[in-house]
Each structure stands twice: as structure tokens, then as C-alpha cells.
């Protein structure tokens, strides 16, 4: 439970994507934050329990959305963005030794 003072200190969240509010079924599967310069993620590892490769498809779809948004924002072309994203992904998959700390958490009903 938060009091009014706590609500003023909560971090800014993104809006819900179009199509979620009116959907018959919707579930959040991944949330990512940068806090004090560090990446913090939360996700449900049960989401693709029967086919973990679906996480790869999800990450690929996210990259496509990011590239489209970057182009719409006028930062660079979609192709340039995808190339940079792919290069960074490959590099970090090979070299990143980021500390992976965490635990399994439950869902919150709203």
C-alpha cells in the first residue's frame, strides 16, 4: 500500500500498448527499466515454458518495433537501426558477463 507521498516518488511508466486494454486476453511478459545506470528486468519464465525459442522470436519482434520507431522518430533508417541492434546483440551475447541476480516473483493483479 502506498500513501500519497510515495505515489509522487514512483518512476514514470510507459503507456499500455494499443490493443491491450480492450483485449479478451492480455498478459505482460517482460518489463525492462534502467535505474541508476543499471538494467533491471522482470519477466515470467513460465510464459514460453513449452518452447523457450519463442523468447528469441519475442526479442526479434521487439527489435523490429524499435527499428520502426527509430525511423519514424527520424533518428536513422529502419535498416540502419536493425543493423546496429543486431551488431550490439551479437557482441553482447558473446562478451557480456553481466551479473544476473534475481528470483522468481509472482504476478500482480490490477
PDB file of N, CA and C in Angstrom:
ATOM      1  N   UNK A   1       0.840  -1.174   0.000  1.00  0.00           N
ATOM      2  CA  UNK A   1       0.000   0.000   0.000  1.00  0.00           C
ATOM      3  C   UNK A   1       0.888   1.241   0.000  1.00  0.00           C
ATOM      4  N   UNK A   2       0.545   2.205  -0.843  1.00  0.00           N
ATOM      5  CA  UNK A   2       1.311   3.439  -0.933  1.00  0.00           C
ATOM      6  C   UNK A   2       0.495   4.578  -0.358  1.00  0.00           C
ATOM      7  N   UNK A   3       1.180   5.498   0.340  1.00  0.00           N
ATOM      8  CA  UNK A   3       0.476   6.723   0.707  1.00  0.00           C
ATOM      9  C   UNK A   3       0.713   7.739  -0.402  1.00  0.00           C
ATOM     10  N   UNK A   4       0.068   8.900  -0.342  1.00  0.00           N
ATOM     11  CA  UNK A   4       0.151   9.893  -1.410  1.00  0.00           C
ATOM     12  C   UNK A   4       1.579  10.371  -1.654  1.00  0.00           C
ATOM     13  N   UNK A   5       2.403  10.482  -0.614  1.00  0.00           N
ATOM     14  CA  UNK A   5       3.788  10.918  -0.778  1.00  0.00           C
ATOM     15  C   UNK A   5       4.583   9.901  -1.584  1.00  0.00           C
ATOM     16  N   UNK A   6       4.328   8.600  -1.361  1.00  0.00           N
ATOM     17  CA  UNK A   6       5.020   7.548  -2.103  1.00  0.00           C
ATOM     18  C   UNK A   6       4.670   7.611  -3.583  1.00  0.00           C
ATOM     19  N   UNK A   7       3.426   7.938  -3.926  1.00  0.00           N
ATOM     20  CA  UNK A   7       2.998   7.987  -5.318  1.00  0.00           C
ATOM     21  C   UNK A   7       3.743   9.070  -6.090  1.00  0.00           C
ATOM     22  N   UNK A   8       4.102  10.161  -5.426  1.00  0.00           N
ATOM     23  CA  UNK A   8       4.849  11.230  -6.076  1.00  0.00           C
ATOM     24  C   UNK A   8       6.262  10.778  -6.442  1.00  0.00           C
ATOM     25  N   UNK A   9       6.778   9.768  -5.772  1.00  0.00           N
ATOM     26  CA  UNK A   9       8.144   9.313  -5.984  1.00  0.00           C
ATOM     27  C   UNK A   9       8.243   8.105  -6.908  1.00  0.00           C
ATOM     28  N   UNK A  10       7.112   7.557  -7.367  1.00  0.00           N
ATOM     29  CA  UNK A  10       7.145   6.403  -8.250  1.00  0.00           C
ATOM     30  C   UNK A  10       7.742   6.777  -9.596  1.00  0.00           C
ATOM     31  N   UNK A  11       8.500   5.867 -10.225  1.00  0.00           N
ATOM     32  CA  UNK A  11       9.086   6.170 -11.535  1.00  0.00           C
ATOM     33  C   UNK A  11       8.010   6.256 -12.618  1.00  0.00           C
ATOM     34  N   UNK A  12       8.346   6.942 -13.687  1.00  0.00           N
ATOM     35  CA  UNK A  12       7.422   7.102 -14.803  1.00  0.00           C
ATOM     36  C   UNK A  12       7.351   5.810 -15.599  1.00  0.00           C
ATOM     37  N   UNK A  13       6.136   5.352 -15.874  1.00  0.00           N
ATOM     38  CA  UNK A  13       5.925   4.140 -16.668  1.00  0.00           C
ATOM     39  C   UNK A  13       5.419   4.518 -18.052  1.00  0.00           C
ATOM     40  N   UNK A  14       5.656   3.654 -19.008  1.00  0.00           N
ATOM     41  CA  UNK A  14       5.117   3.835 -20.347  1.00  0.00           C
ATOM     42  C   UNK A  14       3.630   3.517 -20.349  1.00  0.00           C
ATOM     43  N   UNK A  15       2.938   4.032 -21.346  1.00  0.00           N
ATOM     44  CA  UNK A  15       1.521   3.718 -21.509  1.00  0.00           C
ATOM     45  C   UNK A  15       1.364   2.258 -21.940  1.00  0.00           C
ATOM     46  N   UNK A  16       0.174   1.721 -21.729  1.00  0.00           N
ATOM     47  CA  UNK A  16      -0.121   0.389 -22.246  1.00  0.00           C
ATOM     48  C   UNK A  16      -0.174   0.445 -23.767  1.00  0.00           C
ATOM     49  N   UNK A  17       0.287  -0.593 -24.455  1.00  0.00           N
ATOM     50  CA  UNK A  17       0.228  -0.604 -25.919  1.00  0.00           C
ATOM     51  C   UNK A  17      -1.214  -0.629 -26.421  1.00  0.00           C
ATOM     52  N   UNK A  18      -1.417  -0.083 -27.624  1.00  0.00           N
ATOM     53  CA  UNK A  18      -2.730  -0.161 -28.261  1.00  0.00           C
ATOM     54  C   UNK A  18      -3.147  -1.630 -28.349  1.00  0.00           C
ATOM     55  N   UNK A  19      -4.411  -1.887 -28.130  1.00  0.00           N
ATOM     56  CA  UNK A  19      -4.935  -3.239 -28.265  1.00  0.00           C
ATOM     57  C   UNK A  19      -4.925  -4.059 -26.995  1.00  0.00           C
ATOM     58  N   UNK A  20      -4.275  -3.570 -25.949  1.00  0.00           N
ATOM     59  CA  UNK A  20      -4.192  -4.353 -24.715  1.00  0.00           C
ATOM     60  C   UNK A  20      -5.450  -4.178 -23.866  1.00  0.00           C
ATOM     61  N   UNK A  21      -5.877  -2.949 -23.667  1.00  0.00           N
ATOM     62  CA  UNK A  21      -6.990  -2.670 -22.757  1.00  0.00           C
ATOM     63  C   UNK A  21      -8.265  -3.382 -23.187  1.00  0.00           C
ATOM     64  N   UNK A  22      -8.595  -3.377 -24.455  1.00  0.00           N
ATOM     65  CA  UNK A  22      -9.826  -3.990 -24.918  1.00  0.00           C
ATOM     66  C   UNK A  22      -9.708  -5.464 -25.280  1.00  0.00           C
ATOM     67  N   UNK A  23      -8.543  -6.046 -25.097  1.00  0.00           N
ATOM     68  CA  UNK A  23      -8.321  -7.439 -25.485  1.00  0.00           C
ATOM     69  C   UNK A  23      -9.070  -8.399 -24.560  1.00  0.00           C
ATOM     70  N   UNK A  24      -9.530  -9.511 -25.125  1.00  0.00           N
ATOM     71  CA  UNK A  24     -10.176 -10.542 -24.313  1.00  0.00           C
ATOM     72  C   UNK A  24      -9.169 -11.207 -23.387  1.00  0.00           C
ATOM     73  N   UNK A  25      -7.931 -11.353 -23.854  1.00  0.00           N
ATOM     74  CA  UNK A  25      -6.868 -11.940 -23.036  1.00  0.00           C
ATOM     75  C   UNK A  25      -5.596 -11.140 -23.269  1.00  0.00           C
ATOM     76  N   UNK A  26      -4.941 -10.710 -22.211  1.00  0.00           N
ATOM     77  CA  UNK A  26      -3.676  -9.988 -22.308  1.00  0.00           C
ATOM     78  C   UNK A  26      -2.855 -10.280 -21.062  1.00  0.00           C
ATOM     79  N   UNK A  27      -1.561 -10.492 -21.255  1.00  0.00           N
ATOM     80  CA  UNK A  27      -0.668 -10.750 -20.135  1.00  0.00           C
ATOM     81  C   UNK A  27       0.668 -10.077 -20.419  1.00  0.00           C
ATOM     82  N   UNK A  28       1.189  -9.360 -19.444  1.00  0.00           N
ATOM     83  CA  UNK A  28       2.504  -8.747 -19.583  1.00  0.00           C
ATOM     84  C   UNK A  28       3.552  -9.838 -19.422  1.00  0.00           C
ATOM     85  N   UNK A  29       4.527  -9.899 -20.345  1.00  0.00           N
ATOM     86  CA  UNK A  29       5.531 -10.954 -20.280  1.00  0.00           C
ATOM     87  C   UNK A  29       6.937 -10.442 -19.986  1.00  0.00           C
ATOM     88  N   UNK A  30       7.175  -9.135 -20.180  1.00  0.00           N
ATOM     89  CA  UNK A  30       8.517  -8.601 -19.977  1.00  0.00           C
ATOM     90  C   UNK A  30       8.426  -7.118 -19.652  1.00  0.00           C
ATOM     91  N   UNK A  31       9.211  -6.683 -18.686  1.00  0.00           N
ATOM     92  CA  UNK A  31       9.317  -5.262 -18.349  1.00  0.00           C
ATOM     93  C   UNK A  31      10.790  -4.977 -18.103  1.00  0.00           C
ATOM     94  N   UNK A  32      11.289  -3.874 -18.667  1.00  0.00           N
ATOM     95  CA  UNK A  32      12.697  -3.510 -18.512  1.00  0.00           C
ATOM     96  C   UNK A  32      12.811  -2.065 -18.059  1.00  0.00           C
ATOM     97  N   UNK A  33      13.707  -1.814 -17.134  1.00  0.00           N
ATOM     98  CA  UNK A  33      13.960  -0.479 -16.591  1.00  0.00           C
ATOM     99  C   UNK A  33      15.464  -0.235 -16.570  1.00  0.00           C
ATOM    100  N   UNK A  34      15.858   1.013 -16.744  1.00  0.00           N
ATOM    101  CA  UNK A  34      17.217   1.428 -16.445  1.00  0.00           C
ATOM    102  C   UNK A  34      17.102   2.298 -15.198  1.00  0.00           C
ATOM    103  N   UNK A  35      17.710   1.844 -14.117  1.00  0.00           N
ATOM    104  CA  UNK A  35      17.647   2.551 -12.840  1.00  0.00           C
ATOM    105  C   UNK A  35      19.062   2.732 -12.315  1.00  0.00           C
ATOM    106  N   UNK A  36      19.413   3.973 -12.070  1.00  0.00           N
ATOM    107  CA  UNK A  36      20.765   4.312 -11.611  1.00  0.00           C
ATOM    108  C   UNK A  36      21.826   3.708 -12.524  1.00  0.00           C
ATOM    109  N   UNK A  37      21.542   3.711 -13.830  1.00  0.00           N
ATOM    110  CA  UNK A  37      22.504   3.255 -14.824  1.00  0.00           C
ATOM    111  C   UNK A  37      22.565   1.756 -15.041  1.00  0.00           C
ATOM    112  N   UNK A  38      21.762   0.995 -14.324  1.00  0.00           N
ATOM    113  CA  UNK A  38      21.781  -0.462 -14.460  1.00  0.00           C
ATOM    114  C   UNK A  38      20.457  -0.959 -15.029  1.00  0.00           C
ATOM    115  N   UNK A  39      20.528  -2.017 -15.811  1.00  0.00           N
ATOM    116  CA  UNK A  39      19.337  -2.630 -16.384  1.00  0.00           C
ATOM    117  C   UNK A  39      18.676  -3.540 -15.356  1.00  0.00           C
ATOM    118  N   UNK A  40      17.373  -3.385 -15.213  1.00  0.00           N
ATOM    119  CA  UNK A  40      16.571  -4.227 -14.336  1.00  0.00           C
ATOM    120  C   UNK A  40      15.428  -4.777 -15.167  1.00  0.00           C
ATOM    121  N   UNK A  41      15.265  -6.077 -15.176  1.00  0.00           N
ATOM    122  CA  UNK A  41      14.174  -6.684 -15.938  1.00  0.00           C
ATOM    123  C   UNK A  41      13.371  -7.603 -15.045  1.00  0.00           C
ATOM    124  N   UNK A  42      12.124  -7.749 -15.408  1.00  0.00           N
ATOM    125  CA  UNK A  42      11.276  -8.731 -14.755  1.00  0.00           C
ATOM    126  C   UNK A  42      10.448  -9.381 -15.852  1.00  0.00           C
ATOM    127  N   UNK A  43      10.310 -10.675 -15.748  1.00  0.00           N
ATOM    128  CA  UNK A  43       9.546 -11.423 -16.738  1.00  0.00           C
ATOM    129  C   UNK A  43       9.059 -12.711 -16.101  1.00  0.00           C
ATOM    130  N   UNK A  44       8.152 -13.360 -16.782  1.00  0.00           N
ATOM    131  CA  UNK A  44       7.624 -14.626 -16.291  1.00  0.00           C
ATOM    132  C   UNK A  44       8.269 -15.766 -17.069  1.00  0.00           C
ATOM    133  N   UNK A  45       9.160 -16.534 -16.458  1.00  0.00           N
ATOM    134  CA  UNK A  45       9.831 -17.618 -17.177  1.00  0.00           C
ATOM    135  C   UNK A  45       8.875 -18.729 -17.616  1.00  0.00           C
ATOM    136  N   UNK A  46       7.666 -18.716 -17.098  1.00  0.00           N
ATOM    137  CA  UNK A  46       6.659 -19.710 -17.494  1.00  0.00           C
ATOM    138  C   UNK A  46       6.000 -19.362 -18.829  1.00  0.00           C
ATOM    139  N   UNK A  47       6.182 -18.125 -19.302  1.00  0.00           N
ATOM    140  CA  UNK A  47       5.475 -17.651 -20.482  1.00  0.00           C
ATOM    141  C   UNK A  47       5.614 -18.594 -21.666  1.00  0.00           C
ATOM    142  N   UNK A  48       6.821 -19.000 -21.979  1.00  0.00           N
ATOM    143  CA  UNK A  48       7.062 -19.889 -23.129  1.00  0.00           C
ATOM    144  C   UNK A  48       7.682 -21.204 -22.653  1.00  0.00           C
ATOM    145  N   UNK A  49       7.141 -21.727 -21.585  1.00  0.00           N
ATOM    146  CA  UNK A  49       7.665 -22.947 -20.969  1.00  0.00           C
ATOM    147  C   UNK A  49       7.844 -24.091 -21.970  1.00  0.00           C
ATOM    148  N   UNK A  50       6.895 -24.236 -22.894  1.00  0.00           N
ATOM    149  CA  UNK A  50       6.938 -25.360 -23.831  1.00  0.00           C
ATOM    150  C   UNK A  50       7.861 -25.119 -25.018  1.00  0.00           C
ATOM    151  N   UNK A  51       8.293 -23.878 -25.236  1.00  0.00           N
ATOM    152  CA  UNK A  51       9.172 -23.571 -26.368  1.00  0.00           C
ATOM    153  C   UNK A  51       9.977 -22.315 -26.065  1.00  0.00           C
ATOM    154  N   UNK A  52      11.120 -22.484 -25.412  1.00  0.00           N
ATOM    155  CA  UNK A  52      11.946 -21.347 -24.997  1.00  0.00           C
ATOM    156  C   UNK A  52      12.421 -20.535 -26.198  1.00  0.00           C
ATOM    157  N   UNK A  53      12.428 -21.113 -27.394  1.00  0.00           N
ATOM    158  CA  UNK A  53      12.838 -20.364 -28.583  1.00  0.00           C
ATOM    159  C   UNK A  53      11.875 -19.218 -28.887  1.00  0.00           C
ATOM    160  N   UNK A  54      10.670 -19.255 -28.329  1.00  0.00           N
ATOM    161  CA  UNK A  54       9.729 -18.143 -28.509  1.00  0.00           C
ATOM    162  C   UNK A  54      10.278 -16.847 -27.906  1.00  0.00           C
ATOM    163  N   UNK A  55      11.160 -16.956 -26.899  1.00  0.00           N
ATOM    164  CA  UNK A  55      11.803 -15.745 -26.365  1.00  0.00           C
ATOM    165  C   UNK A  55      12.623 -15.085 -27.464  1.00  0.00           C
ATOM    166  N   UNK A  56      13.299 -15.877 -28.299  1.00  0.00           N
ATOM    167  CA  UNK A  56      14.055 -15.327 -29.420  1.00  0.00           C
ATOM    168  C   UNK A  56      13.161 -14.589 -30.396  1.00  0.00           C
ATOM    169  N   UNK A  57      11.997 -15.166 -30.664  1.00  0.00           N
ATOM    170  CA  UNK A  57      11.046 -14.505 -31.566  1.00  0.00           C
ATOM    171  C   UNK A  57      10.555 -13.203 -30.942  1.00  0.00           C
ATOM    172  N   UNK A  58      10.271 -13.227 -29.638  1.00  0.00           N
ATOM    173  CA  UNK A  58       9.822 -12.017 -28.954  1.00  0.00           C
ATOM    174  C   UNK A  58      10.886 -10.927 -29.032  1.00  0.00           C
ATOM    175  N   UNK A  59      12.145 -11.258 -28.754  1.00  0.00           N
ATOM    176  CA  UNK A  59      13.218 -10.273 -28.806  1.00  0.00           C
ATOM    177  C   UNK A  59      13.409  -9.741 -30.222  1.00  0.00           C
ATOM    178  N   UNK A  60      13.263 -10.592 -31.213  1.00  0.00           N
ATOM    179  CA  UNK A  60      13.344 -10.170 -32.605  1.00  0.00           C
ATOM    180  C   UNK A  60      12.212  -9.213 -32.956  1.00  0.00           C
ATOM    181  N   UNK A  61      11.004  -9.524 -32.519  1.00  0.00           N
ATOM    182  CA  UNK A  61       9.864  -8.640 -32.770  1.00  0.00           C
ATOM    183  C   UNK A  61      10.063  -7.283 -32.083  1.00  0.00           C
ATOM    184  N   UNK A  62      10.606  -7.297 -30.864  1.00  0.00           N
ATOM    185  CA  UNK A  62      10.885  -6.041 -30.164  1.00  0.00           C
ATOM    186  C   UNK A  62      11.895  -5.227 -30.968  1.00  0.00           C
ATOM    187  N   UNK A  63      12.942  -5.867 -31.481  1.00  0.00           N
ATOM    188  CA  UNK A  63      13.943  -5.158 -32.293  1.00  0.00           C
ATOM    189  C   UNK A  63      13.296  -4.531 -33.524  1.00  0.00           C
ATOM    190  N   UNK A  64      12.378  -5.243 -34.155  1.00  0.00           N
ATOM    191  CA  UNK A  64      11.677  -4.707 -35.332  1.00  0.00           C
ATOM    192  C   UNK A  64      10.860  -3.470 -34.947  1.00  0.00           C
ATOM    193  N   UNK A  65      10.173  -3.536 -33.821  1.00  0.00           N
ATOM    194  CA  UNK A  65       9.388  -2.390 -33.352  1.00  0.00           C
ATOM    195  C   UNK A  65      10.289  -1.191 -33.039  1.00  0.00           C
ATOM    196  N   UNK A  66      11.424  -1.453 -32.388  1.00  0.00           N
ATOM    197  CA  UNK A  66      12.363  -0.381 -32.065  1.00  0.00           C
ATOM    198  C   UNK A  66      12.876   0.262 -33.353  1.00  0.00           C
ATOM    199  N   UNK A  67      13.258  -0.544 -34.330  1.00  0.00           N
ATOM    200  CA  UNK A  67      13.763  -0.019 -35.598  1.00  0.00           C
ATOM    201  C   UNK A  67      12.712   0.828 -36.303  1.00  0.00           C
ATOM    202  N   UNK A  68      11.474   0.373 -36.300  1.00  0.00           N
ATOM    203  CA  UNK A  68      10.397   1.158 -36.915  1.00  0.00           C
ATOM    204  C   UNK A  68      10.223   2.488 -36.196  1.00  0.00           C
ATOM    205  N   UNK A  69      10.232   2.460 -34.860  1.00  0.00           N
ATOM    206  CA  UNK A  69      10.042   3.685 -34.079  1.00  0.00           C
ATOM    207  C   UNK A  69      11.195   4.656 -34.282  1.00  0.00           C
ATOM    208  N   UNK A  70      12.417   4.149 -34.339  1.00  0.00           N
ATOM    209  CA  UNK A  70      13.596   4.993 -34.551  1.00  0.00           C
ATOM    210  C   UNK A  70      13.498   5.690 -35.911  1.00  0.00           C
ATOM    211  N   UNK A  71      13.031   4.945 -36.916  1.00  0.00           N
ATOM    212  CA  UNK A  71      12.863   5.553 -38.236  1.00  0.00           C
ATOM    213  C   UNK A  71      11.751   6.608 -38.216  1.00  0.00           C
ATOM    214  N   UNK A  72      10.606   6.285 -37.591  1.00  0.00           N
ATOM    215  CA  UNK A  72       9.511   7.258 -37.503  1.00  0.00           C
ATOM    216  C   UNK A  72       9.946   8.515 -36.753  1.00  0.00           C
ATOM    217  N   UNK A  73      10.851   8.358 -35.787  1.00  0.00           N
ATOM    218  CA  UNK A  73      11.356   9.478 -34.995  1.00  0.00           C
ATOM    219  C   UNK A  73      12.408  10.291 -35.763  1.00  0.00           C
ATOM    220  N   UNK A  74      12.842   9.777 -36.916  1.00  0.00           N
ATOM    221  CA  UNK A  74      13.804  10.491 -37.742  1.00  0.00           C
ATOM    222  C   UNK A  74      15.255  10.322 -37.332  1.00  0.00           C
ATOM    223  N   UNK A  75      15.543   9.351 -36.476  1.00  0.00           N
ATOM    224  CA  UNK A  75      16.916   9.168 -35.998  1.00  0.00           C
ATOM    225  C   UNK A  75      17.811   8.525 -37.053  1.00  0.00           C
ATOM    226  N   UNK A  76      17.278   7.531 -37.778  1.00  0.00           N
ATOM    227  CA  UNK A  76      18.014   6.817 -38.830  1.00  0.00           C
ATOM    228  C   UNK A  76      17.015   5.926 -39.545  1.00  0.00           C
ATOM    229  N   UNK A  77      17.461   5.266 -40.596  1.00  0.00           N
ATOM    230  CA  UNK A  77      16.556   4.374 -41.312  1.00  0.00           C
ATOM    231  C   UNK A  77      16.326   3.104 -40.496  1.00  0.00           C
ATOM    232  N   UNK A  78      15.255   2.424 -40.827  1.00  0.00           N
ATOM    233  CA  UNK A  78      14.928   1.153 -40.181  1.00  0.00           C
ATOM    234  C   UNK A  78      16.076   0.158 -40.370  1.00  0.00           C
ATOM    235  N   UNK A  79      16.606   0.082 -41.577  1.00  0.00           N
ATOM    236  CA  UNK A  79      17.709  -0.837 -41.874  1.00  0.00           C
ATOM    237  C   UNK A  79      18.949  -0.537 -41.060  1.00  0.00           C
ATOM    238  N   UNK A  80      19.292   0.755 -40.942  1.00  0.00           N
ATOM    239  CA  UNK A  80      20.453   1.141 -40.132  1.00  0.00           C
ATOM    240  C   UNK A  80      20.231   0.764 -38.668  1.00  0.00           C
ATOM    241  N   UNK A  81      19.032   1.016 -38.179  1.00  0.00           N
ATOM    242  CA  UNK A  81      18.727   0.678 -36.783  1.00  0.00           C
ATOM    243  C   UNK A  81      18.820  -0.818 -36.553  1.00  0.00           C
ATOM    244  N   UNK A  82      18.235  -1.605 -37.454  1.00  0.00           N
ATOM    245  CA  UNK A  82      18.297  -3.068 -37.296  1.00  0.00           C
ATOM    246  C   UNK A  82      19.735  -3.569 -37.328  1.00  0.00           C
ATOM    247  N   UNK A  83      20.543  -2.992 -38.188  1.00  0.00           N
ATOM    248  CA  UNK A  83      21.953  -3.388 -38.269  1.00  0.00           C
ATOM    249  C   UNK A  83      22.680  -3.108 -36.962  1.00  0.00           C
ATOM    250  N   UNK A  84      22.464  -1.924 -36.396  1.00  0.00           N
ATOM    251  CA  UNK A  84      23.106  -1.560 -35.129  1.00  0.00           C
ATOM    252  C   UNK A  84      22.606  -2.435 -33.976  1.00  0.00           C
ATOM    253  N   UNK A  85      21.310  -2.705 -33.958  1.00  0.00           N
ATOM    254  CA  UNK A  85      20.735  -3.558 -32.917  1.00  0.00           C
ATOM    255  C   UNK A  85      21.312  -4.967 -33.022  1.00  0.00           C
ATOM    256  N   UNK A  86      21.358  -5.500 -34.227  1.00  0.00           N
ATOM    257  CA  UNK A  86      21.873  -6.856 -34.447  1.00  0.00           C
ATOM    258  C   UNK A  86      23.342  -6.954 -34.039  1.00  0.00           C
ATOM    259  N   UNK A  87      24.128  -5.958 -34.436  1.00  0.00           N
ATOM    260  CA  UNK A  87      25.543  -5.942 -34.081  1.00  0.00           C
ATOM    261  C   UNK A  87      25.739  -5.915 -32.564  1.00  0.00           C
ATOM    262  N   UNK A  88      24.990  -5.052 -31.875  1.00  0.00           N
ATOM    263  CA  UNK A  88      25.108  -4.956 -30.418  1.00  0.00           C
ATOM    264  C   UNK A  88      24.638  -6.233 -29.738  1.00  0.00           C
ATOM    265  N   UNK A  89      23.559  -6.834 -30.269  1.00  0.00           N
ATOM    266  CA  UNK A  89      23.044  -8.079 -29.703  1.00  0.00           C
ATOM    267  C   UNK A  89      24.100  -9.178 -29.803  1.00  0.00           C
ATOM    268  N   UNK A  90      24.658  -9.358 -31.003  1.00  0.00           N
ATOM    269  CA  UNK A  90      25.671 -10.398 -31.202  1.00  0.00           C
ATOM    270  C   UNK A  90      26.890 -10.174 -30.303  1.00  0.00           C
ATOM    271  N   UNK A  91      27.353  -8.924 -30.228  1.00  0.00           N
ATOM    272  CA  UNK A  91      28.518  -8.606 -29.402  1.00  0.00           C
ATOM    273  C   UNK A  91      28.240  -8.915 -27.937  1.00  0.00           C
ATOM    274  N   UNK A  92      27.102  -8.492 -27.434  1.00  0.00           N
ATOM    275  CA  UNK A  92      26.777  -8.700 -26.027  1.00  0.00           C
ATOM    276  C   UNK A  92      26.473 -10.149 -25.701  1.00  0.00           C
ATOM    277  N   UNK A  93      25.955 -10.899 -26.636  1.00  0.00           N
ATOM    278  CA  UNK A  93      25.718 -12.330 -26.397  1.00  0.00           C
ATOM    279  C   UNK A  93      27.042 -13.076 -26.253  1.00  0.00           C
ATOM    280  N   UNK A  94      28.077 -12.591 -26.916  1.00  0.00           N
ATOM    281  CA  UNK A  94      29.384 -13.247 -26.872  1.00  0.00           C
ATOM    282  C   UNK A  94      30.246 -12.790 -25.705  1.00  0.00           C
ATOM    283  N   UNK A  95      30.100 -11.525 -25.285  1.00  0.00           N
ATOM    284  CA  UNK A  95      31.059 -10.972 -24.335  1.00  0.00           C
ATOM    285  C   UNK A  95      30.465 -10.544 -23.007  1.00  0.00           C
ATOM    286  N   UNK A  96      29.181 -10.357 -22.929  1.00  0.00           N
ATOM    287  CA  UNK A  96      28.602  -9.804 -21.711  1.00  0.00           C
ATOM    288  C   UNK A  96      28.651 -10.808 -20.571  1.00  0.00           C
ATOM    289  N   UNK A  97      29.220 -10.361 -19.485  1.00  0.00           N
ATOM    290  CA  UNK A  97      29.279 -11.151 -18.256  1.00  0.00           C
ATOM    291  C   UNK A  97      28.506 -10.427 -17.159  1.00  0.00           C
ATOM    292  N   UNK A  98      27.406  -9.810 -17.549  1.00  0.00           N
ATOM    293  CA  UNK A  98      26.616  -9.034 -16.590  1.00  0.00           C
ATOM    294  C   UNK A  98      26.191  -9.905 -15.412  1.00  0.00           C
ATOM    295  N   UNK A  99      26.200  -9.317 -14.251  1.00  0.00           N
ATOM    296  CA  UNK A  99      25.762 -10.025 -13.052  1.00  0.00           C
ATOM    297  C   UNK A  99      24.261 -10.286 -13.161  1.00  0.00           C
ATOM    298  N   UNK A 100      23.902 -11.520 -13.103  1.00  0.00           N
ATOM    299  CA  UNK A 100      22.496 -11.897 -13.188  1.00  0.00           C
ATOM    300  C   UNK A 100      22.025 -12.300 -11.806  1.00  0.00           C
ATOM    301  N   UNK A 101      21.399 -11.368 -11.151  1.00  0.00           N
ATOM    302  CA  UNK A 101      20.858 -11.618  -9.831  1.00  0.00           C
ATOM    303  C   UNK A 101      19.348 -11.606  -9.936  1.00  0.00           C
ATOM    304  N   UNK A 102      18.702 -12.361  -9.137  1.00  0.00           N
ATOM    305  CA  UNK A 102      17.251 -12.296  -9.173  1.00  0.00           C
ATOM    306  C   UNK A 102      16.604 -13.489  -8.511  1.00  0.00           C
ATOM    307  N   UNK A 103      15.296 -13.474  -8.626  1.00  0.00           N
ATOM    308  CA  UNK A 103      14.499 -14.553  -8.061  1.00  0.00           C
ATOM    309  C   UNK A 103      13.194 -14.602  -8.831  1.00  0.00           C
ATOM    310  N   UNK A 104      12.489 -15.680  -8.707  1.00  0.00           N
ATOM    311  CA  UNK A 104      11.182 -15.813  -9.337  1.00  0.00           C
ATOM    312  C   UNK A 104      10.183 -15.021  -8.499  1.00  0.00           C
ATOM    313  N   UNK A 105       9.463 -14.132  -9.160  1.00  0.00           N
ATOM    314  CA  UNK A 105       8.445 -13.337  -8.475  1.00  0.00           C
ATOM    315  C   UNK A 105       7.076 -13.699  -9.039  1.00  0.00           C
ATOM    316  N   UNK A 106       6.050 -13.344  -8.323  1.00  0.00           N
ATOM    317  CA  UNK A 106       4.694 -13.620  -8.765  1.00  0.00           C
ATOM    318  C   UNK A 106       4.121 -12.487  -9.595  1.00  0.00           C
ATOM    319  N   UNK A 107       2.919 -12.701 -10.067  1.00  0.00           N
ATOM    320  CA  UNK A 107       2.193 -11.698 -10.850  1.00  0.00           C
ATOM    321  C   UNK A 107       1.396 -10.798  -9.930  1.00  0.00           C
ATOM    322  N   UNK A 108       1.123  -9.588 -10.395  1.00  0.00           N
ATOM    323  CA  UNK A 108       0.279  -8.647  -9.675  1.00  0.00           C
ATOM    324  C   UNK A 108      -0.993  -8.444 -10.467  1.00  0.00           C
ATOM    325  N   UNK A 109      -2.114  -8.648  -9.832  1.00  0.00           N
ATOM    326  CA  UNK A 109      -3.409  -8.415 -10.488  1.00  0.00           C
ATOM    327  C   UNK A 109      -3.794  -6.959 -10.333  1.00  0.00           C
ATOM    328  N   UNK A 110      -4.304  -6.357 -11.405  1.00  0.00           N
ATOM    329  CA  UNK A 110      -4.764  -4.965 -11.363  1.00  0.00           C
ATOM    330  C   UNK A 110      -6.254  -4.928 -11.573  1.00  0.00           C
TER     331      UNK A 110
END
